[in-house]
Amino acid sequence: MIAKTRVRDLFATMNKTEKEFAIQLEAKKRAGLISEWKYEGITLKLGDDCRYTPDFMVIENDGTIGFDETKGFWRDDAKVKIKVAATMYPFRFTAHVLSKGRWTTEDFTLTPINP
């Protein structure tokens, strides 16, 4: 008799850019460089009928929570949402853009308006 187990595909619902970044996060987790990561693990309310779901929530080893957004290119509404979220919530907000095989990073972290 052969035992069968289901292996959860960590990347099943991700696009190619998100998957590339998730592979890096999983490697960091396995190396002990971060504690945990979740794909679309939380949705933040920005206003009436306006929500923002970051691609990744990352929990650092010291318990610090950060949000990472991955893009192949920016749409105006996406950039506005991450900027607004950074003013409202006391977390790290970072965007990573993959273009021609290279990542560029932009930090949006700000001091919250309503501490």
PDB file of N, CA and C in Angstrom:
ATOM      1  N   MET A   1       0.839  -1.172   0.000  1.00  0.00           N
ATOM      2  CA  MET A   1       0.000   0.000   0.000  1.00  0.00           C
ATOM      3  C   MET A   1       0.895   1.251   0.000  1.00  0.00           C
ATOM      4  N   ILE A   2       0.552   2.210  -0.823  1.00  0.00           N
ATOM      5  CA  ILE A   2       1.322   3.446  -0.924  1.00  0.00           C
ATOM      6  C   ILE A   2       0.563   4.559  -0.201  1.00  0.00           C
ATOM      7  N   ALA A   3       1.264   5.223   0.687  1.00  0.00           N
ATOM      8  CA  ALA A   3       0.647   6.340   1.411  1.00  0.00           C
ATOM      9  C   ALA A   3       0.643   7.575   0.518  1.00  0.00           C
ATOM     10  N   LYS A   4      -0.470   8.279   0.519  1.00  0.00           N
ATOM     11  CA  LYS A   4      -0.583   9.498  -0.272  1.00  0.00           C
ATOM     12  C   LYS A   4      -0.882  10.661   0.654  1.00  0.00           C
ATOM     13  N   THR A   5      -0.187  11.733   0.444  1.00  0.00           N
ATOM     14  CA  THR A   5      -0.471  12.946   1.203  1.00  0.00           C
ATOM     15  C   THR A   5      -0.614  14.089   0.229  1.00  0.00           C
ATOM     16  N   ARG A   6      -1.439  15.020   0.595  1.00  0.00           N
ATOM     17  CA  ARG A   6      -1.603  16.208  -0.234  1.00  0.00           C
ATOM     18  C   ARG A   6      -0.607  17.258   0.229  1.00  0.00           C
ATOM     19  N   VAL A   7       0.102  17.803  -0.703  1.00  0.00           N
ATOM     20  CA  VAL A   7       1.041  18.878  -0.409  1.00  0.00           C
ATOM     21  C   VAL A   7       0.392  20.181  -0.848  1.00  0.00           C
ATOM     22  N   ARG A   8       0.296  21.119   0.071  1.00  0.00           N
ATOM     23  CA  ARG A   8      -0.332  22.398  -0.232  1.00  0.00           C
ATOM     24  C   ARG A   8       0.582  23.203  -1.146  1.00  0.00           C
ATOM     25  N   ASP A   9       0.043  23.680  -2.245  1.00  0.00           N
ATOM     26  CA  ASP A   9       0.795  24.521  -3.173  1.00  0.00           C
ATOM     27  C   ASP A   9       0.751  25.949  -2.653  1.00  0.00           C
ATOM     28  N   LEU A  10       1.876  26.430  -2.129  1.00  0.00           N
ATOM     29  CA  LEU A  10       1.952  27.777  -1.557  1.00  0.00           C
ATOM     30  C   LEU A  10       1.683  28.865  -2.586  1.00  0.00           C
ATOM     31  N   PHE A  11       1.877  28.553  -3.845  1.00  0.00           N
ATOM     32  CA  PHE A  11       1.860  29.574  -4.886  1.00  0.00           C
ATOM     33  C   PHE A  11       0.687  29.442  -5.860  1.00  0.00           C
ATOM     34  N   ALA A  12      -0.286  28.609  -5.541  1.00  0.00           N
ATOM     35  CA  ALA A  12      -1.344  28.244  -6.491  1.00  0.00           C
ATOM     36  C   ALA A  12      -2.129  29.424  -7.051  1.00  0.00           C
ATOM     37  N   THR A  13      -2.455  30.414  -6.255  1.00  0.00           N
ATOM     38  CA  THR A  13      -3.321  31.506  -6.723  1.00  0.00           C
ATOM     39  C   THR A  13      -2.555  32.778  -7.089  1.00  0.00           C
ATOM     40  N   MET A  14      -1.250  32.702  -7.116  1.00  0.00           N
ATOM     41  CA  MET A  14      -0.424  33.887  -7.372  1.00  0.00           C
ATOM     42  C   MET A  14      -0.121  34.062  -8.854  1.00  0.00           C
ATOM     43  N   ASN A  15       0.091  35.327  -9.260  1.00  0.00           N
ATOM     44  CA  ASN A  15       0.588  35.572 -10.610  1.00  0.00           C
ATOM     45  C   ASN A  15       2.108  35.347 -10.614  1.00  0.00           C
ATOM     46  N   LYS A  16       2.740  35.473 -11.764  1.00  0.00           N
ATOM     47  CA  LYS A  16       4.174  35.172 -11.880  1.00  0.00           C
ATOM     48  C   LYS A  16       5.045  36.068 -11.009  1.00  0.00           C
ATOM     49  N   THR A  17       4.722  37.352 -10.949  1.00  0.00           N
ATOM     50  CA  THR A  17       5.515  38.293 -10.149  1.00  0.00           C
ATOM     51  C   THR A  17       5.382  37.973  -8.671  1.00  0.00           C
ATOM     52  N   GLU A  18       4.164  37.736  -8.223  1.00  0.00           N
ATOM     53  CA  GLU A  18       3.936  37.384  -6.818  1.00  0.00           C
ATOM     54  C   GLU A  18       4.647  36.084  -6.469  1.00  0.00           C
ATOM     55  N   LYS A  19       4.599  35.119  -7.365  1.00  0.00           N
ATOM     56  CA  LYS A  19       5.259  33.838  -7.120  1.00  0.00           C
ATOM     57  C   LYS A  19       6.772  34.008  -6.978  1.00  0.00           C
ATOM     58  N   GLU A  20       7.376  34.814  -7.845  1.00  0.00           N
ATOM     59  CA  GLU A  20       8.821  35.076  -7.749  1.00  0.00           C
ATOM     60  C   GLU A  20       9.184  35.631  -6.364  1.00  0.00           C
ATOM     61  N   PHE A  21       8.377  36.588  -5.895  1.00  0.00           N
ATOM     62  CA  PHE A  21       8.642  37.196  -4.593  1.00  0.00           C
ATOM     63  C   PHE A  21       8.374  36.203  -3.461  1.00  0.00           C
ATOM     64  N   ALA A  22       7.307  35.419  -3.577  1.00  0.00           N
ATOM     65  CA  ALA A  22       6.967  34.436  -2.553  1.00  0.00           C
ATOM     66  C   ALA A  22       8.054  33.380  -2.397  1.00  0.00           C
ATOM     67  N   ILE A  23       8.672  32.990  -3.495  1.00  0.00           N
ATOM     68  CA  ILE A  23       9.773  32.021  -3.424  1.00  0.00           C
ATOM     69  C   ILE A  23      10.914  32.598  -2.582  1.00  0.00           C
ATOM     70  N   GLN A  24      11.187  33.879  -2.762  1.00  0.00           N
ATOM     71  CA  GLN A  24      12.227  34.539  -1.959  1.00  0.00           C
ATOM     72  C   GLN A  24      11.830  34.592  -0.488  1.00  0.00           C
ATOM     73  N   LEU A  25      10.560  34.893  -0.214  1.00  0.00           N
ATOM     74  CA  LEU A  25      10.096  34.935   1.180  1.00  0.00           C
ATOM     75  C   LEU A  25      10.180  33.560   1.836  1.00  0.00           C
ATOM     76  N   GLU A  26       9.792  32.528   1.103  1.00  0.00           N
ATOM     77  CA  GLU A  26       9.849  31.173   1.666  1.00  0.00           C
ATOM     78  C   GLU A  26      11.293  30.773   1.952  1.00  0.00           C
ATOM     79  N   ALA A  27      12.215  31.160   1.084  1.00  0.00           N
ATOM     80  CA  ALA A  27      13.641  30.876   1.332  1.00  0.00           C
ATOM     81  C   ALA A  27      14.125  31.603   2.583  1.00  0.00           C
ATOM     82  N   LYS A  28      13.689  32.855   2.767  1.00  0.00           N
ATOM     83  CA  LYS A  28      14.062  33.602   3.978  1.00  0.00           C
ATOM     84  C   LYS A  28      13.494  32.944   5.231  1.00  0.00           C
ATOM     85  N   LYS A  29      12.255  32.464   5.136  1.00  0.00           N
ATOM     86  CA  LYS A  29      11.629  31.789   6.276  1.00  0.00           C
ATOM     87  C   LYS A  29      12.398  30.521   6.630  1.00  0.00           C
ATOM     88  N   ARG A  30      12.703  29.718   5.634  1.00  0.00           N
ATOM     89  CA  ARG A  30      13.417  28.460   5.883  1.00  0.00           C
ATOM     90  C   ARG A  30      14.831  28.692   6.403  1.00  0.00           C
ATOM     91  N   ALA A  31      15.433  29.828   6.038  1.00  0.00           N
ATOM     92  CA  ALA A  31      16.771  30.172   6.525  1.00  0.00           C
ATOM     93  C   ALA A  31      16.730  30.841   7.898  1.00  0.00           C
ATOM     94  N   GLY A  32      15.516  31.071   8.411  1.00  0.00           N
ATOM     95  CA  GLY A  32      15.384  31.699   9.724  1.00  0.00           C
ATOM     96  C   GLY A  32      15.529  33.208   9.716  1.00  0.00           C
ATOM     97  N   LEU A  33      15.449  33.830   8.533  1.00  0.00           N
ATOM     98  CA  LEU A  33      15.621  35.280   8.428  1.00  0.00           C
ATOM     99  C   LEU A  33      14.332  36.054   8.692  1.00  0.00           C
ATOM    100  N   ILE A  34      13.195  35.387   8.522  1.00  0.00           N
ATOM    101  CA  ILE A  34      11.892  35.951   8.891  1.00  0.00           C
ATOM    102  C   ILE A  34      11.112  34.864   9.620  1.00  0.00           C
ATOM    103  N   SER A  35      10.126  35.285  10.385  1.00  0.00           N
ATOM    104  CA  SER A  35       9.338  34.336  11.155  1.00  0.00           C
ATOM    105  C   SER A  35       8.236  33.690  10.311  1.00  0.00           C
ATOM    106  N   GLU A  36       7.529  34.520   9.518  1.00  0.00           N
ATOM    107  CA  GLU A  36       6.374  34.027   8.773  1.00  0.00           C
ATOM    108  C   GLU A  36       6.039  34.989   7.649  1.00  0.00           C
ATOM    109  N   TRP A  37       5.304  34.496   6.672  1.00  0.00           N
ATOM    110  CA  TRP A  37       4.741  35.338   5.619  1.00  0.00           C
ATOM    111  C   TRP A  37       3.395  34.770   5.215  1.00  0.00           C
ATOM    112  N   LYS A  38       2.502  35.655   4.805  1.00  0.00           N
ATOM    113  CA  LYS A  38       1.170  35.251   4.353  1.00  0.00           C
ATOM    114  C   LYS A  38       0.855  35.987   3.064  1.00  0.00           C
ATOM    115  N   TYR A  39       0.264  35.283   2.130  1.00  0.00           N
ATOM    116  CA  TYR A  39      -0.173  35.884   0.873  1.00  0.00           C
ATOM    117  C   TYR A  39      -1.580  36.419   1.064  1.00  0.00           C
ATOM    118  N   GLU A  40      -1.776  37.688   0.757  1.00  0.00           N
ATOM    119  CA  GLU A  40      -3.068  38.351   0.897  1.00  0.00           C
ATOM    120  C   GLU A  40      -3.716  37.989   2.231  1.00  0.00           C
ATOM    121  N   GLY A  41      -2.923  38.080   3.298  1.00  0.00           N
ATOM    122  CA  GLY A  41      -3.356  37.645   4.622  1.00  0.00           C
ATOM    123  C   GLY A  41      -4.221  38.626   5.386  1.00  0.00           C
ATOM    124  N   ILE A  42      -4.325  39.848   4.900  1.00  0.00           N
ATOM    125  CA  ILE A  42      -5.079  40.858   5.639  1.00  0.00           C
ATOM    126  C   ILE A  42      -5.599  41.908   4.659  1.00  0.00           C
ATOM    127  N   THR A  43      -6.738  42.484   4.984  1.00  0.00           N
ATOM    128  CA  THR A  43      -7.290  43.587   4.200  1.00  0.00           C
ATOM    129  C   THR A  43      -7.432  44.784   5.124  1.00  0.00           C
ATOM    130  N   LEU A  44      -6.929  45.916   4.695  1.00  0.00           N
ATOM    131  CA  LEU A  44      -6.973  47.146   5.488  1.00  0.00           C
ATOM    132  C   LEU A  44      -8.066  48.065   4.962  1.00  0.00           C
ATOM    133  N   LYS A  45      -8.826  48.630   5.872  1.00  0.00           N
ATOM    134  CA  LYS A  45      -9.868  49.577   5.487  1.00  0.00           C
ATOM    135  C   LYS A  45      -9.245  50.967   5.381  1.00  0.00           C
ATOM    136  N   LEU A  46      -9.395  51.586   4.218  1.00  0.00           N
ATOM    137  CA  LEU A  46      -8.844  52.919   3.993  1.00  0.00           C
ATOM    138  C   LEU A  46      -9.912  54.000   4.106  1.00  0.00           C
ATOM    139  N   GLY A  47     -11.156  53.635   3.900  1.00  0.00           N
ATOM    140  CA  GLY A  47     -12.264  54.582   3.965  1.00  0.00           C
ATOM    141  C   GLY A  47     -13.552  53.860   3.656  1.00  0.00           C
ATOM    142  N   ASP A  48     -14.634  54.618   3.576  1.00  0.00           N
ATOM    143  CA  ASP A  48     -15.916  54.019   3.218  1.00  0.00           C
ATOM    144  C   ASP A  48     -15.795  53.376   1.834  1.00  0.00           C
ATOM    145  N   ASP A  49     -16.109  52.111   1.764  1.00  0.00           N
ATOM    146  CA  ASP A  49     -16.073  51.359   0.500  1.00  0.00           C
ATOM    147  C   ASP A  49     -14.710  51.374  -0.190  1.00  0.00           C
ATOM    148  N   CYS A  50     -13.645  51.494   0.581  1.00  0.00           N
ATOM    149  CA  CYS A  50     -12.292  51.466   0.005  1.00  0.00           C
ATOM    150  C   CYS A  50     -11.402  50.579   0.865  1.00  0.00           C
ATOM    151  N   ARG A  51     -10.898  49.517   0.265  1.00  0.00           N
ATOM    152  CA  ARG A  51     -10.057  48.549   0.969  1.00  0.00           C
ATOM    153  C   ARG A  51      -8.746  48.349   0.205  1.00  0.00           C
ATOM    154  N   TYR A  52      -7.739  47.892   0.964  1.00  0.00           N
ATOM    155  CA  TYR A  52      -6.437  47.593   0.361  1.00  0.00           C
ATOM    156  C   TYR A  52      -5.957  46.258   0.920  1.00  0.00           C
ATOM    157  N   THR A  53      -5.682  45.319   0.042  1.00  0.00           N
ATOM    158  CA  THR A  53      -5.139  44.020   0.435  1.00  0.00           C
ATOM    159  C   THR A  53      -3.720  43.910  -0.105  1.00  0.00           C
ATOM    160  N   PRO A  54      -2.726  44.096   0.768  1.00  0.00           N
ATOM    161  CA  PRO A  54      -1.338  43.957   0.308  1.00  0.00           C
ATOM    162  C   PRO A  54      -1.067  42.522  -0.158  1.00  0.00           C
ATOM    163  N   ASP A  55      -0.155  42.379  -1.091  1.00  0.00           N
ATOM    164  CA  ASP A  55       0.174  41.044  -1.587  1.00  0.00           C
ATOM    165  C   ASP A  55       0.705  40.145  -0.474  1.00  0.00           C
ATOM    166  N   PHE A  56       1.601  40.680   0.348  1.00  0.00           N
ATOM    167  CA  PHE A  56       2.246  39.858   1.378  1.00  0.00           C
ATOM    168  C   PHE A  56       2.304  40.578   2.719  1.00  0.00           C
ATOM    169  N   MET A  57       2.004  39.829   3.758  1.00  0.00           N
ATOM    170  CA  MET A  57       2.249  40.268   5.125  1.00  0.00           C
ATOM    171  C   MET A  57       3.470  39.486   5.599  1.00  0.00           C
ATOM    172  N   VAL A  58       4.465  40.190   6.106  1.00  0.00           N
ATOM    173  CA  VAL A  58       5.697  39.546   6.554  1.00  0.00           C
ATOM    174  C   VAL A  58       5.888  39.833   8.036  1.00  0.00           C
ATOM    175  N   ILE A  59       6.110  38.783   8.807  1.00  0.00           N
ATOM    176  CA  ILE A  59       6.385  38.930  10.227  1.00  0.00           C
ATOM    177  C   ILE A  59       7.870  38.665  10.434  1.00  0.00           C
ATOM    178  N   GLU A  60       8.555  39.703  10.878  1.00  0.00           N
ATOM    179  CA  GLU A  60       9.994  39.598  11.123  1.00  0.00           C
ATOM    180  C   GLU A  60      10.228  38.779  12.391  1.00  0.00           C
ATOM    181  N   ASN A  61      11.451  38.371  12.629  1.00  0.00           N
ATOM    182  CA  ASN A  61      11.778  37.566  13.805  1.00  0.00           C
ATOM    183  C   ASN A  61      11.532  38.313  15.116  1.00  0.00           C
ATOM    184  N   ASP A  62      11.589  39.639  15.087  1.00  0.00           N
ATOM    185  CA  ASP A  62      11.337  40.420  16.301  1.00  0.00           C
ATOM    186  C   ASP A  62       9.851  40.728  16.494  1.00  0.00           C
ATOM    187  N   GLY A  63       8.985  40.187  15.617  1.00  0.00           N
ATOM    188  CA  GLY A  63       7.547  40.403  15.717  1.00  0.00           C
ATOM    189  C   GLY A  63       7.032  41.581  14.923  1.00  0.00           C
ATOM    190  N   THR A  64       7.923  42.358  14.328  1.00  0.00           N
ATOM    191  CA  THR A  64       7.527  43.492  13.507  1.00  0.00           C
ATOM    192  C   THR A  64       6.752  42.992  12.289  1.00  0.00           C
ATOM    193  N   ILE A  65       5.673  43.700  11.961  1.00  0.00           N
ATOM    194  CA  ILE A  65       4.852  43.330  10.817  1.00  0.00           C
ATOM    195  C   ILE A  65       5.078  44.330   9.691  1.00  0.00           C
ATOM    196  N   GLY A  66       5.246  43.815   8.495  1.00  0.00           N
ATOM    197  CA  GLY A  66       5.394  44.665   7.316  1.00  0.00           C
ATOM    198  C   GLY A  66       4.550  44.127   6.186  1.00  0.00           C
ATOM    199  N   PHE A  67       4.246  44.999   5.240  1.00  0.00           N
ATOM    200  CA  PHE A  67       3.453  44.619   4.079  1.00  0.00           C
ATOM    201  C   PHE A  67       4.258  44.893   2.819  1.00  0.00           C
ATOM    202  N   ASP A  68       4.270  43.915   1.933  1.00  0.00           N
ATOM    203  CA  ASP A  68       5.016  44.018   0.686  1.00  0.00           C
ATOM    204  C   ASP A  68       4.057  43.888  -0.487  1.00  0.00           C
ATOM    205  N   GLU A  69       4.170  44.825  -1.400  1.00  0.00           N
ATOM    206  CA  GLU A  69       3.370  44.836  -2.622  1.00  0.00           C
ATOM    207  C   GLU A  69       4.305  44.498  -3.775  1.00  0.00           C
ATOM    208  N   THR A  70       3.865  43.634  -4.692  1.00  0.00           N
ATOM    209  CA  THR A  70       4.681  43.290  -5.848  1.00  0.00           C
ATOM    210  C   THR A  70       3.951  43.710  -7.115  1.00  0.00           C
ATOM    211  N   LYS A  71       4.708  44.248  -8.049  1.00  0.00           N
ATOM    212  CA  LYS A  71       4.123  44.731  -9.296  1.00  0.00           C
ATOM    213  C   LYS A  71       5.046  44.423 -10.466  1.00  0.00           C
ATOM    214  N   GLY A  72       4.441  44.248 -11.627  1.00  0.00           N
ATOM    215  CA  GLY A  72       5.178  44.238 -12.876  1.00  0.00           C
ATOM    216  C   GLY A  72       5.217  45.664 -13.409  1.00  0.00           C
ATOM    217  N   PHE A  73       4.162  46.423 -13.061  1.00  0.00           N
ATOM    218  CA  PHE A  73       4.075  47.848 -13.374  1.00  0.00           C
ATOM    219  C   PHE A  73       3.029  48.442 -12.433  1.00  0.00           C
ATOM    220  N   TRP A  74       3.088  49.745 -12.227  1.00  0.00           N
ATOM    221  CA  TRP A  74       2.171  50.434 -11.312  1.00  0.00           C
ATOM    222  C   TRP A  74       0.954  50.977 -12.039  1.00  0.00           C
ATOM    223  N   ARG A  75      -0.195  50.803 -11.429  1.00  0.00           N
ATOM    224  CA  ARG A  75      -1.409  51.523 -11.823  1.00  0.00           C
ATOM    225  C   ARG A  75      -1.588  52.628 -10.788  1.00  0.00           C
ATOM    226  N   ASP A  76      -2.155  53.750 -11.197  1.00  0.00           N
ATOM    227  CA  ASP A  76      -2.282  54.891 -10.294  1.00  0.00           C
ATOM    228  C   ASP A  76      -3.035  54.553  -9.013  1.00  0.00           C
ATOM    229  N   ASP A  77      -4.148  53.820  -9.121  1.00  0.00           N
ATOM    230  CA  ASP A  77      -4.944  53.523  -7.928  1.00  0.00           C
ATOM    231  C   ASP A  77      -4.174  52.664  -6.930  1.00  0.00           C
ATOM    232  N   ALA A  78      -3.335  51.759  -7.397  1.00  0.00           N
ATOM    233  CA  ALA A  78      -2.556  50.904  -6.505  1.00  0.00           C
ATOM    234  C   ALA A  78      -1.532  51.715  -5.726  1.00  0.00           C
ATOM    235  N   LYS A  79      -0.886  52.657  -6.384  1.00  0.00           N
ATOM    236  CA  LYS A  79       0.106  53.487  -5.711  1.00  0.00           C
ATOM    237  C   LYS A  79      -0.565  54.396  -4.683  1.00  0.00           C
ATOM    238  N   VAL A  80      -1.724  54.928  -5.018  1.00  0.00           N
ATOM    239  CA  VAL A  80      -2.462  55.772  -4.071  1.00  0.00           C
ATOM    240  C   VAL A  80      -2.850  54.961  -2.837  1.00  0.00           C
ATOM    241  N   LYS A  81      -3.323  53.747  -3.038  1.00  0.00           N
ATOM    242  CA  LYS A  81      -3.755  52.928  -1.896  1.00  0.00           C
ATOM    243  C   LYS A  81      -2.603  52.606  -0.946  1.00  0.00           C
ATOM    244  N   ILE A  82      -1.436  52.269  -1.462  1.00  0.00           N
ATOM    245  CA  ILE A  82      -0.326  51.943  -0.563  1.00  0.00           C
ATOM    246  C   ILE A  82       0.146  53.201   0.179  1.00  0.00           C
ATOM    247  N   LYS A  83       0.109  54.358  -0.495  1.00  0.00           N
ATOM    248  CA  LYS A  83       0.487  55.613   0.164  1.00  0.00           C
ATOM    249  C   LYS A  83      -0.491  55.967   1.272  1.00  0.00           C
ATOM    250  N   VAL A  84      -1.781  55.817   1.016  1.00  0.00           N
ATOM    251  CA  VAL A  84      -2.796  56.100   2.034  1.00  0.00           C
ATOM    252  C   VAL A  84      -2.662  55.137   3.205  1.00  0.00           C
ATOM    253  N   ALA A  85      -2.502  53.858   2.920  1.00  0.00           N
ATOM    254  CA  ALA A  85      -2.345  52.859   3.981  1.00  0.00           C
ATOM    255  C   ALA A  85      -1.141  53.184   4.862  1.00  0.00           C
ATOM    256  N   ALA A  86      -0.063  53.631   4.254  1.00  0.00           N
ATOM    257  CA  ALA A  86       1.147  53.959   5.008  1.00  0.00           C
ATOM    258  C   ALA A  86       0.928  55.135   5.957  1.00  0.00           C
ATOM    259  N   THR A  87       0.008  56.041   5.616  1.00  0.00           N
ATOM    260  CA  THR A  87      -0.270  57.165   6.514  1.00  0.00           C
ATOM    261  C   THR A  87      -1.232  56.770   7.631  1.00  0.00           C
ATOM    262  N   MET A  88      -1.988  55.709   7.427  1.00  0.00           N
ATOM    263  CA  MET A  88      -3.013  55.324   8.389  1.00  0.00           C
ATOM    264  C   MET A  88      -2.583  54.248   9.379  1.00  0.00           C
ATOM    265  N   TYR A  89      -1.638  53.400   8.991  1.00  0.00           N
ATOM    266  CA  TYR A  89      -1.294  52.239   9.800  1.00  0.00           C
ATOM    267  C   TYR A  89       0.197  52.219  10.135  1.00  0.00           C
ATOM    268  N   PRO A  90       0.536  51.814  11.383  1.00  0.00           N
ATOM    269  CA  PRO A  90       1.932  51.863  11.843  1.00  0.00           C
ATOM    270  C   PRO A  90       2.752  50.626  11.478  1.00  0.00           C
ATOM    271  N   PHE A  91       2.795  50.332  10.193  1.00  0.00           N
ATOM    272  CA  PHE A  91       3.541  49.179   9.714  1.00  0.00           C
ATOM    273  C   PHE A  91       4.505  49.613   8.615  1.00  0.00           C
ATOM    274  N   ARG A  92       5.409  48.710   8.257  1.00  0.00           N
ATOM    275  CA  ARG A  92       6.295  48.948   7.131  1.00  0.00           C
ATOM    276  C   ARG A  92       5.527  48.618   5.857  1.00  0.00           C
ATOM    277  N   PHE A  93       5.570  49.520   4.873  1.00  0.00           N
ATOM    278  CA  PHE A  93       4.949  49.299   3.567  1.00  0.00           C
ATOM    279  C   PHE A  93       6.026  49.450   2.503  1.00  0.00           C
ATOM    280  N   THR A  94       6.262  48.378   1.751  1.00  0.00           N
ATOM    281  CA  THR A  94       7.295  48.378   0.730  1.00  0.00           C
ATOM    282  C   THR A  94       6.736  47.801  -0.559  1.00  0.00           C
ATOM    283  N   ALA A  95       7.094  48.418  -1.677  1.00  0.00           N
ATOM    284  CA  ALA A  95       6.694  47.920  -2.989  1.00  0.00           C
ATOM    285  C   ALA A  95       7.922  47.405  -3.725  1.00  0.00           C
ATOM    286  N   HIS A  96       7.725  46.324  -4.450  1.00  0.00           N
ATOM    287  CA  HIS A  96       8.797  45.702  -5.215  1.00  0.00           C
ATOM    288  C   HIS A  96       8.295  45.544  -6.647  1.00  0.00           C
ATOM    289  N   VAL A  97       9.009  46.150  -7.587  1.00  0.00           N
ATOM    290  CA  VAL A  97       8.617  46.100  -8.991  1.00  0.00           C
ATOM    291  C   VAL A  97       9.628  45.237  -9.745  1.00  0.00           C
ATOM    292  N   LEU A  98       9.126  44.233 -10.451  1.00  0.00           N
ATOM    293  CA  LEU A  98       9.972  43.341 -11.239  1.00  0.00           C
ATOM    294  C   LEU A  98       9.894  43.761 -12.696  1.00  0.00           C
ATOM    295  N   SER A  99      11.031  44.204 -13.227  1.00  0.00           N
ATOM    296  CA  SER A  99      11.082  44.635 -14.613  1.00  0.00           C
ATOM    297  C   SER A  99      12.363  44.112 -15.255  1.00  0.00           C
ATOM    298  N   LYS A 100      12.203  43.400 -16.345  1.00  0.00           N
ATOM    299  CA  LYS A 100      13.334  42.818 -17.076  1.00  0.00           C
ATOM    300  C   LYS A 100      14.227  41.976 -16.168  1.00  0.00           C
ATOM    301  N   GLY A 101      13.582  41.208 -15.272  1.00  0.00           N
ATOM    302  CA  GLY A 101      14.312  40.291 -14.403  1.00  0.00           C
ATOM    303  C   GLY A 101      14.975  40.925 -13.199  1.00  0.00           C
ATOM    304  N   ARG A 102      14.755  42.225 -12.969  1.00  0.00           N
ATOM    305  CA  ARG A 102      15.396  42.919 -11.847  1.00  0.00           C
ATOM    306  C   ARG A 102      14.334  43.535 -10.941  1.00  0.00           C
ATOM    307  N   TRP A 103      14.543  43.421  -9.647  1.00  0.00           N
ATOM    308  CA  TRP A 103      13.650  44.016  -8.671  1.00  0.00           C
ATOM    309  C   TRP A 103      14.122  45.415  -8.309  1.00  0.00           C
ATOM    310  N   THR A 104      13.204  46.360  -8.246  1.00  0.00           N
ATOM    311  CA  THR A 104      13.467  47.661  -7.643  1.00  0.00           C
ATOM    312  C   THR A 104      12.516  47.787  -6.464  1.00  0.00           C
ATOM    313  N   THR A 105      12.960  48.480  -5.441  1.00  0.00           N
ATOM    314  CA  THR A 105      12.195  48.567  -4.203  1.00  0.00           C
ATOM    315  C   THR A 105      11.941  50.014  -3.848  1.00  0.00           C
ATOM    316  N   GLU A 106      10.728  50.283  -3.374  1.00  0.00           N
ATOM    317  CA  GLU A 106      10.364  51.621  -2.915  1.00  0.00           C
ATOM    318  C   GLU A 106       9.678  51.491  -1.564  1.00  0.00           C
ATOM    319  N   ASP A 107      10.165  52.261  -0.583  1.00  0.00           N
ATOM    320  CA  ASP A 107       9.608  52.239   0.762  1.00  0.00           C
ATOM    321  C   ASP A 107       8.551  53.337   0.877  1.00  0.00           C
ATOM    322  N   PHE A 108       7.373  52.980   1.361  1.00  0.00           N
ATOM    323  CA  PHE A 108       6.287  53.936   1.544  1.00  0.00           C
ATOM    324  C   PHE A 108       5.977  54.178   3.011  1.00  0.00           C
ATOM    325  N   THR A 109       6.758  53.599   3.909  1.00  0.00           N
ATOM    326  CA  THR A 109       6.494  53.692   5.333  1.00  0.00           C
ATOM    327  C   THR A 109       6.530  55.143   5.792  1.00  0.00           C
ATOM    328  N   LEU A 110       5.481  55.546   6.513  1.00  0.00           N
ATOM    329  CA  LEU A 110       5.357  56.893   7.056  1.00  0.00           C
ATOM    330  C   LEU A 110       4.932  56.838   8.505  1.00  0.00           C
ATOM    331  N   THR A 111       5.027  57.956   9.178  1.00  0.00           N
ATOM    332  CA  THR A 111       4.483  58.063  10.529  1.00  0.00           C
ATOM    333  C   THR A 111       2.970  58.209  10.392  1.00  0.00           C
ATOM    334  N   PRO A 112       2.203  57.418  11.141  1.00  0.00           N
ATOM    335  CA  PRO A 112       0.755  57.486  11.017  1.00  0.00           C
ATOM    336  C   PRO A 112       0.192  58.863  11.365  1.00  0.00           C
ATOM    337  N   ILE A 113      -0.868  59.265  10.654  1.00  0.00           N
ATOM    338  CA  ILE A 113      -1.550  60.529  10.934  1.00  0.00           C
ATOM    339  C   ILE A 113      -2.325  60.422  12.245  1.00  0.00           C
ATOM    340  N   ASN A 114      -2.986  59.281  12.462  1.00  0.00           N
ATOM    341  CA  ASN A 114      -3.786  59.068  13.676  1.00  0.00           C
ATOM    342  C   ASN A 114      -3.121  57.978  14.527  1.00  0.00           C
ATOM    343  N   PRO A 115      -2.144  58.358  15.368  1.00  0.00           N
ATOM    344  CA  PRO A 115      -1.431  57.323  16.141  1.00  0.00           C
ATOM    345  C   PRO A 115      -2.337  56.617  17.145  1.00  0.00           C
TER     346      PRO A 115
END
